[in-house]
Structure formats: structure tokens, C-alpha cells
Amino acid sequence: MRTRTTTATVLLLAALTGCSSSEQPKTQEEIAALCAPALKARPEGDTSKPKECEGLTADNYDLLVISTIADGLGISGGTTN
């Protein structure tokens, strides 16, 4: 019984340690902050998804790509009067 409990505890701690790695961004905002510069640094015509963008939802990635393109064209998201 003691061996099972010890094994289960070790496995649980290993799983929790893997899930709480501080090196991995956790929020969409954190991932987007890493993704935006990677998108801007892509060579012209490159449409591959940078590894820094992994973890963004499809909608957030699409919006970030469109925003990067708009920035490159000098289009701002501000309102006009």
C-alpha cells in the first residue's frame, strides 16, 4: 500500500510540475505578445505559422495576422471624425 501511495504521489507531482511550467505562456495575451514580433519578422510571402504563435485560438491568430498586415500597410485601427 505504501508503495502505491508513494508512486501515485510522485506521478501526481510530476504531472503538476509539467502543467505549471513558468516558461510556457498561459494566456492568449501572453502568446500574442510573443507571436506579433514573429509575424512581423517573417520573410515577405511566408504564410507559415510561427512557432511562437502556437497556442493561440484560430480566431486570435487570424486577427493578429490581419493586424500585422494592416500595420504594414499603414492602416490604423483608430476612428475618424
C-alpha atoms as a PDB file:
ATOM      1  CA  MET A   1       0.000   0.000   0.000  1.00  0.00           C
ATOM      2  CA  ARG A   2       2.802   2.392   0.893  1.00  0.00           C
ATOM      3  CA  THR A   3       4.492   1.792  -2.473  1.00  0.00           C
ATOM      4  CA  ARG A   4       1.278   2.566  -4.367  1.00  0.00           C
ATOM      5  CA  THR A   5       0.742   5.763  -2.408  1.00  0.00           C
ATOM      6  CA  THR A   6       4.324   6.885  -2.988  1.00  0.00           C
ATOM      7  CA  THR A   7       4.114   6.063  -6.692  1.00  0.00           C
ATOM      8  CA  ALA A   8       0.819   7.892  -7.053  1.00  0.00           C
ATOM      9  CA  THR A   9       2.214  10.937  -5.229  1.00  0.00           C
ATOM     10  CA  VAL A  10       5.314  11.018  -7.428  1.00  0.00           C
ATOM     11  CA  LEU A  11       3.231  10.744 -10.587  1.00  0.00           C
ATOM     12  CA  LEU A  12       0.858  13.467  -9.402  1.00  0.00           C
ATOM     13  CA  LEU A  13       3.735  15.814  -8.581  1.00  0.00           C
ATOM     14  CA  ALA A  14       5.368  15.121 -11.944  1.00  0.00           C
ATOM     15  CA  ALA A  15       2.126  15.890 -13.765  1.00  0.00           C
ATOM     16  CA  LEU A  16       1.577  19.091 -11.807  1.00  0.00           C
ATOM     17  CA  THR A  17       5.151  20.222 -12.412  1.00  0.00           C
ATOM     18  CA  GLY A  18       4.756  19.662 -16.140  1.00  0.00           C
ATOM     19  CA  CYS A  19       1.480  21.571 -16.255  1.00  0.00           C
ATOM     20  CA  SER A  20       2.721  24.565 -14.288  1.00  0.00           C
ATOM     21  CA  SER A  21       5.894  25.309 -16.203  1.00  0.00           C
ATOM     22  CA  SER A  22       6.590  29.029 -15.942  1.00  0.00           C
ATOM     23  CA  GLU A  23       8.364  29.030 -19.317  1.00  0.00           C
ATOM     24  CA  GLN A  24       5.119  28.461 -21.232  1.00  0.00           C
ATOM     25  CA  PRO A  25       2.836  31.459 -21.791  1.00  0.00           C
ATOM     26  CA  LYS A  26      -0.592  30.768 -20.380  1.00  0.00           C
ATOM     27  CA  THR A  27      -2.899  33.498 -21.628  1.00  0.00           C
ATOM     28  CA  GLN A  28      -3.860  34.462 -25.147  1.00  0.00           C
ATOM     29  CA  GLU A  29      -2.407  37.931 -24.469  1.00  0.00           C
ATOM     30  CA  GLU A  30       0.975  36.478 -23.481  1.00  0.00           C
ATOM     31  CA  ILE A  31       1.086  34.256 -26.553  1.00  0.00           C
ATOM     32  CA  ALA A  32       0.012  37.152 -28.798  1.00  0.00           C
ATOM     33  CA  ALA A  33       2.800  39.316 -27.351  1.00  0.00           C
ATOM     34  CA  LEU A  34       5.312  36.681 -28.490  1.00  0.00           C
ATOM     35  CA  CYS A  35       3.525  35.988 -31.781  1.00  0.00           C
ATOM     36  CA  ALA A  36       3.258  39.564 -33.111  1.00  0.00           C
ATOM     37  CA  PRO A  37       7.017  40.180 -33.492  1.00  0.00           C
ATOM     38  CA  ALA A  38       7.436  36.727 -35.037  1.00  0.00           C
ATOM     39  CA  LEU A  39       4.776  37.535 -37.635  1.00  0.00           C
ATOM     40  CA  LYS A  40       6.462  40.849 -38.460  1.00  0.00           C
ATOM     41  CA  ALA A  41       9.841  39.118 -38.822  1.00  0.00           C
ATOM     42  CA  ARG A  42       8.585  36.580 -41.376  1.00  0.00           C
ATOM     43  CA  PRO A  43      10.016  36.993 -44.878  1.00  0.00           C
ATOM     44  CA  GLU A  44       7.601  38.513 -47.382  1.00  0.00           C
ATOM     45  CA  GLY A  45       5.348  35.852 -48.877  1.00  0.00           C
ATOM     46  CA  ASP A  46       5.886  33.413 -45.994  1.00  0.00           C
ATOM     47  CA  THR A  47       2.489  32.255 -44.756  1.00  0.00           C
ATOM     48  CA  SER A  48       3.635  29.613 -42.297  1.00  0.00           C
ATOM     49  CA  LYS A  49       2.532  29.924 -38.680  1.00  0.00           C
ATOM     50  CA  PRO A  50       5.483  30.835 -36.453  1.00  0.00           C
ATOM     51  CA  LYS A  51       6.097  28.507 -33.518  1.00  0.00           C
ATOM     52  CA  GLU A  52       5.663  31.500 -31.169  1.00  0.00           C
ATOM     53  CA  CYS A  53       2.009  31.606 -32.252  1.00  0.00           C
ATOM     54  CA  GLU A  54       1.239  28.033 -31.208  1.00  0.00           C
ATOM     55  CA  GLY A  55      -1.493  28.046 -28.588  1.00  0.00           C
ATOM     56  CA  LEU A  56      -3.441  30.998 -29.977  1.00  0.00           C
ATOM     57  CA  THR A  57      -7.001  30.233 -30.943  1.00  0.00           C
ATOM     58  CA  ALA A  58      -7.663  30.285 -34.686  1.00  0.00           C
ATOM     59  CA  ASP A  59      -9.694  33.498 -34.358  1.00  0.00           C
ATOM     60  CA  ASN A  60      -6.991  35.264 -32.343  1.00  0.00           C
ATOM     61  CA  TYR A  61      -4.282  34.151 -34.764  1.00  0.00           C
ATOM     62  CA  ASP A  62      -6.313  35.359 -37.753  1.00  0.00           C
ATOM     63  CA  LEU A  63      -6.915  38.733 -36.094  1.00  0.00           C
ATOM     64  CA  LEU A  64      -3.228  39.095 -35.297  1.00  0.00           C
ATOM     65  CA  VAL A  65      -2.258  38.266 -38.894  1.00  0.00           C
ATOM     66  CA  ILE A  66      -4.756  40.827 -40.230  1.00  0.00           C
ATOM     67  CA  SER A  67      -3.489  43.413 -37.737  1.00  0.00           C
ATOM     68  CA  THR A  68       0.107  42.777 -38.811  1.00  0.00           C
ATOM     69  CA  ILE A  69      -0.842  43.207 -42.474  1.00  0.00           C
ATOM     70  CA  ALA A  70      -2.747  46.423 -41.700  1.00  0.00           C
ATOM     71  CA  ASP A  71       0.233  47.788 -39.757  1.00  0.00           C
ATOM     72  CA  GLY A  72       2.481  47.013 -42.697  1.00  0.00           C
ATOM     73  CA  LEU A  73       0.149  48.959 -44.993  1.00  0.00           C
ATOM     74  CA  GLY A  74      -0.008  51.908 -42.599  1.00  0.00           C
ATOM     75  CA  ILE A  75      -3.669  51.353 -41.773  1.00  0.00           C
ATOM     76  CA  SER A  76      -4.535  52.226 -38.198  1.00  0.00           C
ATOM     77  CA  GLY A  77      -7.473  50.973 -36.185  1.00  0.00           C
ATOM     78  CA  GLY A  78      -8.341  54.453 -34.959  1.00  0.00           C
ATOM     79  CA  THR A  79     -11.629  56.195 -35.627  1.00  0.00           C
ATOM     80  CA  THR A  80     -12.068  59.150 -37.919  1.00  0.00           C
ATOM     81  CA  ASN A  81     -14.241  62.163 -37.304  1.00  0.00           C
END
